[in-house]
Amino acid sequence: MMQDNLKYWIALKSIAGIGNTAFFALFDRFGSIEAVFSASAGELTTTPGINKKSATAIAGFKGWVKIRRDLDIIDKAGIKIITHLNELYPANLINVYDRPAFLYVRGNLKKDDINIAIVGSRLASTYGKYTTEKISRELAYKGTTIVSGMARGIDSAAHRGALAAQGRTIAVLGSGLDIVYPPENKKLFDTIIENGAAISEFPLGTPPRSNNFPARNRIISGMSYGVLVVEAGEKSGSLITARLALEQGREVFAVPGNIDASVSRGTNKLIKQGAKLIENADDILEEIFPQLERAKAINALPFSKTQAEPVKKYENLNKIEKKIIEFISGRHIHVDELISATGLSPADMLSALMSMELKGLITQHPGKFFSLKQSRV
C-alpha cells in the first residue's frame, strides 16, 4: 500500500473518538479511508457511531504535516504497517470484534503461520518457566508459531522456547514498537524480530500503560488457534486472555500446577471450568487440528479430494513438498528416514509434513510414520 494512502489510515486513527468500531463503520460507509476525508461533516454523521464532534474533526483535519513526519519515522525504523486489507494481516484476527484496523510490524508476518498463544504469570516459578519452554519448543519444532506478550516470566519463556527450536515467534506489545517493555528484554526483542515479528496496534511513542494490556491480550488470543495458560493467579491478566479466547471461539488449554501455589490457582480453576489439561505439545495439536482443517476448507485449498482427479492434488506443490512426495511414493515411511533422505532440518520437515497433512496430501500414522493419503470414492 502506497505511503500516500497509508496517511489516511494513520490520520483517521489519530482522531479522538475514532476507535476500531467507528473506523470500520466509516470504511464500510464510504468504501475507502481516503473517501472518508473527502466527505462533508454532514455526510459523516450519517455513519452509525459518528457524532458531530468527530465528523467535524475529520472534515477539518489539518494535521497532515505531522502524519507525513510520522510515516517517515516509521519507514526509517524499518516498521511496516499491515492493514486489514493486506494478505499478511493475521487471518484469525479478521473476524474478531474490535479488531485493529491495522498493525505496526517489525520483522515478518507470514500468511500461513499456525499461531498458538502461550501466556502466564510474570512471577513464574522455575517449574512454570521450564514447562513453558519445553512445550513452546515442542510446538515450534512441529511447525507452529508461538504468540505471546513478551512480558516477564511465562511470556518470555514462551518466546525463548520457540527460538531454541529455531522456530517462529510473535510478540504482541502493549506499547509502541519503539518502546521495549520490560527493558531487560531488549535482546530478546531483537531476536524475536529476526525470527518472527513484534507487532502492536499502538503508534510509536505509546508507553506501556496498564490499560493497554487488556487490549493487547485480545490480539494475542484473536490471532491464535488456541491459548495455553501456564501459571496464573486468581486475578491474573492471563485469565483475561483466556476469557477473550473463549469469547472468540478459540481453544483454551492449561498446565496444572501445585495446589498450594498461588500462581496455580488461576490455571487449576480454568481446568475445573473446562479448559483442557495439557501435558505436552501433542495435547494441543490434536485439539486445534480440526480448526485448521476447517480453515483450509473455507479457503478452498487447490487440491482435489475425489478419486476422479487423482493427479490435480499434486499440482502447485513447492520444492520441499515435491521432494517429500517423491520419497514417500505410496509406502509408509518414518519421519527420521525422510529427514535423512531429503537433507531437510527436523524443524523444516515437521513443518512441511503438518502443512501437507492439512492439505490432505499425506496421512500420519502412530510412531511418526507417514504415507500418501488415499483418495475416497
Protein backbone atom coordinates (compact mmCIF):
# COMPACT_ATOMS: atom_id res chain seq x y z
CA MET A 1 0.00 0.00 0.00
CA MET A 2 1.41 3.38 -1.01
CA GLN A 3 2.51 5.75 1.74
CA ASP A 4 0.15 8.39 0.33
CA ASN A 5 -2.72 6.00 1.02
CA LEU A 6 -1.46 5.00 4.47
CA LYS A 7 -1.51 8.61 5.63
CA TYR A 8 -5.32 8.47 5.65
CA TRP A 9 -5.31 5.36 7.83
CA ILE A 10 -2.93 6.91 10.36
CA ALA A 11 -4.79 10.20 10.34
CA LEU A 12 -8.23 8.68 10.91
CA LYS A 13 -6.99 6.54 13.79
CA SER A 14 -5.37 9.61 15.40
CA ILE A 15 -8.67 11.47 15.73
CA ALA A 16 -10.21 11.43 19.22
CA GLY A 17 -13.34 9.30 19.39
CA ILE A 18 -12.46 7.12 16.40
CA GLY A 19 -11.93 3.64 17.78
CA ASN A 20 -11.78 0.46 15.74
CA THR A 21 -15.56 0.06 15.54
CA ALA A 22 -16.06 3.62 14.26
CA PHE A 23 -13.11 3.20 11.89
CA PHE A 24 -14.67 0.16 10.21
CA ALA A 25 -18.11 1.78 10.15
CA LEU A 26 -16.64 4.68 8.17
CA PHE A 27 -14.71 2.32 5.91
CA ASP A 28 -17.87 0.34 5.15
CA ARG A 29 -19.93 3.50 4.59
CA PHE A 30 -17.54 5.24 2.18
CA GLY A 31 -15.65 2.33 0.63
CA SER A 32 -12.15 3.61 1.38
CA ILE A 33 -10.38 5.65 4.05
CA GLU A 34 -9.36 8.28 1.51
CA ALA A 35 -13.04 8.81 0.64
CA VAL A 36 -13.81 9.40 4.33
CA PHE A 37 -11.64 12.54 4.28
CA SER A 38 -13.40 13.78 1.13
CA ALA A 39 -16.82 13.60 2.81
CA SER A 40 -18.56 16.55 4.43
CA ALA A 41 -19.29 16.65 8.15
CA GLY A 42 -22.97 16.18 7.36
CA GLU A 43 -22.28 13.05 5.32
CA LEU A 44 -20.00 11.68 8.02
CA THR A 45 -22.69 11.98 10.72
CA THR A 46 -24.91 9.60 8.74
CA THR A 47 -22.48 6.83 9.74
CA PRO A 48 -23.57 4.90 12.87
CA GLY A 49 -21.43 5.86 15.87
CA ILE A 50 -20.04 9.08 14.39
CA ASN A 51 -21.13 12.18 16.30
CA LYS A 52 -20.91 15.80 15.16
CA LYS A 53 -17.64 16.45 17.02
CA SER A 54 -15.84 13.52 15.38
CA ALA A 55 -17.33 14.37 11.98
CA THR A 56 -16.12 17.98 12.24
CA ALA A 57 -12.62 16.81 13.27
CA ILE A 58 -12.40 14.50 10.23
CA ALA A 59 -13.79 17.02 7.73
CA GLY A 60 -11.48 19.76 9.01
CA PHE A 61 -8.37 17.66 9.60
CA LYS A 62 -5.20 19.73 9.19
CA GLY A 63 -2.52 17.53 10.76
CA TRP A 64 -1.08 16.21 7.51
CA VAL A 65 2.44 17.56 8.11
CA LYS A 66 2.71 15.56 11.35
CA ILE A 67 1.28 12.45 9.69
CA ARG A 68 3.89 12.70 6.91
CA ARG A 69 6.62 13.09 9.52
CA ASP A 70 5.33 10.08 11.47
CA LEU A 71 5.32 7.95 8.32
CA ASP A 72 8.92 8.93 7.58
CA ILE A 73 9.95 7.90 11.12
CA ILE A 74 8.08 4.60 10.77
CA ASP A 75 9.78 3.89 7.45
CA LYS A 76 13.27 4.72 8.75
CA ALA A 77 12.70 2.45 11.77
CA GLY A 78 12.04 -0.50 9.47
CA ILE A 79 8.43 -0.76 10.63
CA LYS A 80 5.68 -1.90 8.27
CA ILE A 81 2.00 -1.02 8.51
CA ILE A 82 -0.21 -4.02 7.77
CA THR A 83 -3.85 -3.07 7.23
CA HIS A 84 -6.77 -5.48 7.43
CA LEU A 85 -6.79 -5.49 3.61
CA ASN A 86 -3.27 -6.95 3.45
CA GLU A 87 -2.92 -10.72 2.99
CA LEU A 88 -0.34 -10.74 5.80
CA TYR A 89 -2.87 -9.44 8.33
CA PRO A 90 -3.45 -12.41 10.70
CA ALA A 91 -6.34 -14.37 9.19
CA ASN A 92 -7.88 -15.39 12.52
CA LEU A 93 -7.96 -11.75 13.64
CA ILE A 94 -10.20 -10.68 10.76
CA ASN A 95 -13.39 -11.99 12.41
CA VAL A 96 -12.62 -10.72 15.92
CA TYR A 97 -14.86 -8.00 17.29
CA ASP A 98 -12.98 -4.70 17.69
CA ARG A 99 -10.06 -5.97 15.62
CA PRO A 100 -7.33 -3.43 14.88
CA ALA A 101 -7.74 -1.62 11.58
CA PHE A 102 -4.01 -2.01 11.06
CA LEU A 103 -0.91 -3.25 12.85
CA TYR A 104 2.59 -1.87 13.18
CA VAL A 105 5.04 -4.69 12.43
CA ARG A 106 8.77 -5.19 12.90
CA GLY A 107 10.06 -8.42 11.43
CA ASN A 108 7.85 -10.53 9.20
CA LEU A 109 4.37 -11.98 9.40
CA LYS A 110 3.52 -14.99 7.24
CA LYS A 111 0.06 -15.72 5.91
CA ASP A 112 0.49 -19.44 6.61
CA ASP A 113 1.55 -19.04 10.27
CA ILE A 114 -0.19 -21.55 12.55
CA ASN A 115 -0.37 -19.43 15.69
CA ILE A 116 -0.65 -20.81 19.22
CA ALA A 117 -0.58 -18.39 22.15
CA ILE A 118 1.18 -19.10 25.44
CA VAL A 119 0.65 -16.74 28.37
CA GLY A 120 1.02 -16.79 32.13
CA SER A 121 2.30 -15.21 35.30
CA ARG A 122 5.04 -12.59 35.35
CA LEU A 123 6.07 -14.09 38.71
CA ALA A 124 6.59 -17.54 37.28
CA SER A 125 8.18 -20.38 39.22
CA THR A 126 11.18 -22.33 37.95
CA TYR A 127 8.80 -25.20 37.13
CA GLY A 128 6.50 -22.86 35.20
CA LYS A 129 9.29 -21.41 33.08
CA TYR A 130 10.80 -24.85 32.43
CA THR A 131 7.44 -26.33 31.40
CA THR A 132 6.66 -23.33 29.19
CA GLU A 133 9.98 -23.51 27.37
CA LYS A 134 9.58 -27.25 26.88
CA ILE A 135 6.06 -27.09 25.40
CA SER A 136 6.87 -24.00 23.35
CA ARG A 137 9.96 -25.70 21.94
CA GLU A 138 7.94 -28.82 21.05
CA LEU A 139 5.24 -26.75 19.34
CA ALA A 140 7.72 -24.66 17.38
CA TYR A 141 9.66 -27.78 16.40
CA LYS A 142 6.43 -29.13 14.89
CA GLY A 143 5.94 -26.05 12.75
CA THR A 144 3.64 -23.81 14.78
CA THR A 145 4.31 -20.14 15.56
CA ILE A 146 4.33 -19.15 19.23
CA VAL A 147 2.48 -15.93 20.12
CA SER A 148 2.92 -14.18 23.45
CA GLY A 149 3.24 -10.74 25.02
CA MET A 150 6.99 -10.57 25.81
CA ALA A 151 6.25 -9.87 29.49
CA ARG A 152 8.47 -11.17 32.27
CA GLY A 153 8.02 -14.78 33.36
CA ILE A 154 5.93 -17.16 31.26
CA ASP A 155 5.69 -14.92 28.19
CA SER A 156 9.46 -14.56 27.90
CA ALA A 157 9.91 -18.32 28.44
CA ALA A 158 7.42 -19.00 25.62
CA HIS A 159 9.38 -16.86 23.17
CA ARG A 160 12.69 -18.41 24.26
CA GLY A 161 11.35 -21.94 23.82
CA ALA A 162 10.33 -21.21 20.22
CA LEU A 163 13.67 -19.60 19.47
CA ALA A 164 15.53 -22.56 20.99
CA ALA A 165 13.81 -24.77 18.39
CA GLN A 166 14.81 -22.29 15.66
CA GLY A 167 11.11 -21.68 15.16
CA ARG A 168 8.97 -18.61 14.62
CA THR A 169 7.55 -16.49 17.40
CA ILE A 170 5.46 -13.29 17.51
CA ALA A 171 5.45 -10.75 20.34
CA VAL A 172 2.34 -8.59 20.73
CA LEU A 173 3.23 -5.41 22.62
CA GLY A 174 1.18 -3.13 24.84
CA SER A 175 3.30 -0.16 23.77
CA GLY A 176 4.64 1.38 20.59
CA LEU A 177 7.24 -0.71 18.78
CA ASP A 178 9.92 1.84 19.68
CA ILE A 179 9.48 1.13 23.40
CA VAL A 180 10.71 -2.27 24.60
CA TYR A 181 8.97 -3.34 27.80
CA PRO A 182 10.26 -4.71 30.07
CA PRO A 183 13.58 -3.03 29.16
CA GLU A 184 15.66 -6.08 30.11
CA ASN A 185 14.03 -7.91 27.19
CA LYS A 186 15.75 -5.74 24.56
CA LYS A 187 17.99 -8.60 23.40
CA LEU A 188 15.01 -10.98 23.31
CA PHE A 189 13.04 -8.38 21.32
CA ASP A 190 15.82 -8.12 18.73
CA THR A 191 16.00 -11.91 18.38
CA ILE A 192 12.21 -12.18 18.02
CA ILE A 193 12.08 -9.75 15.09
CA GLU A 194 14.86 -11.74 13.38
CA ASN A 195 12.85 -14.97 13.76
CA GLY A 196 9.27 -13.78 13.52
CA ALA A 197 7.76 -10.43 14.36
CA ALA A 198 6.91 -7.88 17.02
CA ILE A 199 3.53 -6.25 16.45
CA SER A 200 1.40 -3.56 18.06
CA GLU A 201 -1.73 -1.60 17.33
CA PHE A 202 -0.33 1.37 19.27
CA PRO A 203 1.52 4.20 17.48
CA LEU A 204 5.19 4.90 18.12
CA GLY A 205 5.84 6.65 21.41
CA THR A 206 2.96 4.95 23.24
CA PRO A 207 4.17 3.95 26.73
CA PRO A 208 3.19 0.60 28.29
CA ARG A 209 0.16 1.87 30.21
CA SER A 210 -1.78 -0.67 32.26
CA ASN A 211 -4.99 -0.22 30.23
CA ASN A 212 -3.12 -1.13 27.02
CA PHE A 213 -2.59 -4.72 28.09
CA PRO A 214 -6.20 -6.00 28.07
CA ALA A 215 -6.45 -4.56 24.53
CA ARG A 216 -3.16 -6.27 23.65
CA ASN A 217 -4.50 -9.57 25.03
CA ARG A 218 -7.43 -9.67 22.60
CA ILE A 219 -4.92 -9.62 19.74
CA ILE A 220 -2.84 -12.42 21.30
CA SER A 221 -5.88 -14.68 21.58
CA GLY A 222 -7.61 -13.43 18.43
CA MET A 223 -4.75 -14.20 16.05
CA SER A 224 -4.22 -17.69 17.51
CA TYR A 225 -5.98 -21.04 17.16
CA GLY A 226 -5.70 -21.68 20.89
CA VAL A 227 -4.34 -20.21 24.11
CA LEU A 228 -2.25 -22.12 26.64
CA VAL A 229 -2.12 -20.68 30.16
CA VAL A 230 0.84 -21.71 32.31
CA GLU A 231 0.67 -20.43 35.90
CA ALA A 232 -1.80 -17.68 36.63
CA GLY A 233 -3.04 -16.22 39.88
CA GLU A 234 -6.73 -15.74 40.57
CA LYS A 235 -6.61 -12.15 39.24
CA SER A 236 -4.01 -12.67 36.53
CA GLY A 237 -4.22 -10.84 33.22
CA SER A 238 -3.71 -14.24 31.61
CA LEU A 239 -7.23 -15.18 32.72
CA ILE A 240 -8.50 -12.18 30.77
CA THR A 241 -6.74 -13.59 27.71
CA ALA A 242 -8.36 -16.99 28.36
CA ARG A 243 -11.80 -15.39 28.66
CA LEU A 244 -11.27 -13.45 25.44
CA ALA A 245 -10.17 -16.65 23.74
CA LEU A 246 -13.43 -18.35 24.73
CA GLU A 247 -15.46 -15.39 23.50
CA GLN A 248 -13.58 -15.55 20.20
CA GLY A 249 -14.25 -19.28 19.84
CA ARG A 250 -10.64 -20.31 20.47
CA GLU A 251 -9.45 -23.37 22.36
CA VAL A 252 -8.21 -22.80 25.92
CA PHE A 253 -5.56 -25.05 27.49
CA ALA A 254 -3.94 -25.01 30.92
CA VAL A 255 -0.99 -26.68 32.60
CA PRO A 256 -1.94 -27.97 36.08
CA GLY A 257 0.11 -26.65 38.97
CA ASN A 258 0.88 -27.20 42.62
CA ILE A 259 -2.37 -26.89 44.58
CA ASP A 260 -0.54 -24.94 47.30
CA ALA A 261 0.98 -22.37 44.93
CA SER A 262 -0.79 -19.04 44.39
CA VAL A 263 0.33 -18.95 40.74
CA SER A 264 -1.54 -22.20 40.13
CA ARG A 265 -4.94 -21.11 41.38
CA GLY A 266 -5.96 -19.48 38.12
CA THR A 267 -4.83 -22.35 35.89
CA ASN A 268 -6.33 -25.01 38.12
CA LYS A 269 -9.59 -23.09 38.14
CA LEU A 270 -9.55 -22.94 34.34
CA ILE A 271 -9.23 -26.73 34.23
CA LYS A 272 -12.21 -27.08 36.60
CA GLN A 273 -14.18 -24.82 34.26
CA GLY A 274 -13.43 -26.94 31.21
CA ALA A 275 -10.03 -25.89 29.85
CA LYS A 276 -8.12 -28.87 28.53
CA LEU A 277 -5.36 -30.14 30.83
CA ILE A 278 -2.08 -30.11 28.92
CA GLU A 279 0.99 -32.26 29.44
CA ASN A 280 2.73 -31.88 26.08
CA ALA A 281 2.51 -30.26 22.67
CA ASP A 282 0.54 -33.13 21.10
CA ASP A 283 -2.31 -32.49 23.55
CA ILE A 284 -2.67 -29.05 21.99
CA LEU A 285 -2.20 -30.05 18.37
CA GLU A 286 -4.85 -32.77 18.47
CA GLU A 287 -7.39 -30.17 19.60
CA ILE A 288 -6.56 -27.42 17.10
CA PHE A 289 -6.21 -29.76 14.13
CA PRO A 290 -9.97 -29.73 13.35
CA GLN A 291 -9.88 -25.90 13.35
CA LEU A 292 -7.01 -25.92 10.88
CA GLU A 293 -8.84 -28.32 8.58
CA ARG A 294 -11.97 -26.18 8.66
CA ALA A 295 -9.94 -23.05 7.92
CA LYS A 296 -8.22 -24.70 4.98
CA ALA A 297 -11.58 -25.90 3.61
CA ILE A 298 -13.01 -22.39 3.84
CA ASN A 299 -10.00 -21.01 1.99
CA ALA A 300 -10.61 -23.55 -0.83
CA LEU A 301 -7.31 -25.33 -0.96
CA PRO A 302 -6.12 -26.11 -4.51
CA PHE A 303 -6.32 -29.87 -4.26
CA SER A 304 -8.94 -32.46 -5.15
CA LYS A 305 -10.50 -34.81 -2.64
CA THR A 306 -12.06 -37.02 -5.26
CA GLN A 307 -10.67 -40.09 -6.93
CA ALA A 308 -11.86 -38.74 -10.26
CA GLU A 309 -8.98 -36.23 -10.27
CA PRO A 310 -6.09 -38.10 -8.63
CA VAL A 311 -3.33 -36.02 -10.25
CA LYS A 312 -4.58 -32.50 -9.50
CA LYS A 313 -3.95 -32.69 -5.80
CA TYR A 314 -0.22 -32.94 -6.52
CA GLU A 315 -0.18 -29.76 -8.57
CA ASN A 316 1.07 -26.46 -7.10
CA LEU A 317 3.47 -28.16 -4.68
CA ASN A 318 6.59 -26.34 -3.54
CA LYS A 319 10.07 -27.89 -3.87
CA ILE A 320 10.07 -29.35 -0.36
CA GLU A 321 6.62 -30.91 -0.78
CA LYS A 322 7.58 -32.43 -4.14
CA LYS A 323 10.70 -33.93 -2.59
CA ILE A 324 8.70 -35.45 0.27
CA ILE A 325 6.06 -36.88 -2.10
CA GLU A 326 8.84 -38.44 -4.17
CA PHE A 327 10.34 -40.23 -1.16
CA ILE A 328 7.02 -41.40 0.32
CA SER A 329 5.80 -42.77 -3.04
CA GLY A 330 2.87 -44.78 -1.69
CA ARG A 331 4.60 -46.50 1.25
CA HIS A 332 4.78 -45.91 4.99
CA ILE A 333 7.95 -44.05 5.86
CA HIS A 334 9.29 -42.80 9.21
CA VAL A 335 9.97 -39.09 9.72
CA ASP A 336 13.64 -39.78 10.55
CA GLU A 337 14.05 -41.58 7.21
CA LEU A 338 12.51 -38.62 5.41
CA ILE A 339 14.86 -36.20 7.17
CA SER A 340 17.85 -38.34 6.26
CA ALA A 341 16.74 -38.82 2.65
CA THR A 342 15.87 -35.19 1.91
CA GLY A 343 18.55 -33.43 3.95
CA LEU A 344 15.95 -31.10 5.46
CA SER A 345 16.26 -29.92 9.06
CA PRO A 346 13.87 -31.61 11.55
CA ALA A 347 12.02 -28.31 12.03
CA ASP A 348 11.54 -27.74 8.28
CA MET A 349 10.49 -31.36 7.76
CA LEU A 350 7.89 -31.37 10.55
CA SER A 351 6.50 -28.02 9.43
CA ALA A 352 6.18 -29.29 5.85
CA LEU A 353 4.56 -32.56 6.97
CA MET A 354 1.99 -30.70 9.07
CA SER A 355 1.15 -28.42 6.13
CA MET A 356 0.83 -31.40 3.77
CA GLU A 357 -1.37 -33.28 6.21
CA LEU A 358 -3.68 -30.26 6.42
CA LYS A 359 -3.84 -30.15 2.62
CA GLY A 360 -4.97 -33.77 2.54
CA LEU A 361 -1.83 -34.96 0.76
CA ILE A 362 -0.46 -37.33 3.40
CA THR A 363 -1.64 -39.28 6.43
CA GLN A 364 0.23 -39.61 9.71
CA HIS A 365 0.28 -42.99 11.45
CA PRO A 366 1.32 -43.97 15.01
CA GLY A 367 5.04 -43.76 15.65
CA LYS A 368 5.60 -40.79 13.27
CA PHE A 369 5.14 -42.83 10.09
CA PHE A 370 3.63 -41.13 7.02
CA SER A 371 2.02 -42.28 3.78
CA LEU A 372 0.25 -40.69 0.84
CA LYS A 373 -3.38 -40.08 1.65
CA GLN A 374 -5.73 -42.42 -0.20
CA SER A 375 -8.45 -40.76 -2.26
CA ARG A 376 -12.05 -41.53 -1.41
CA VAL A 377 -14.58 -42.63 -3.96
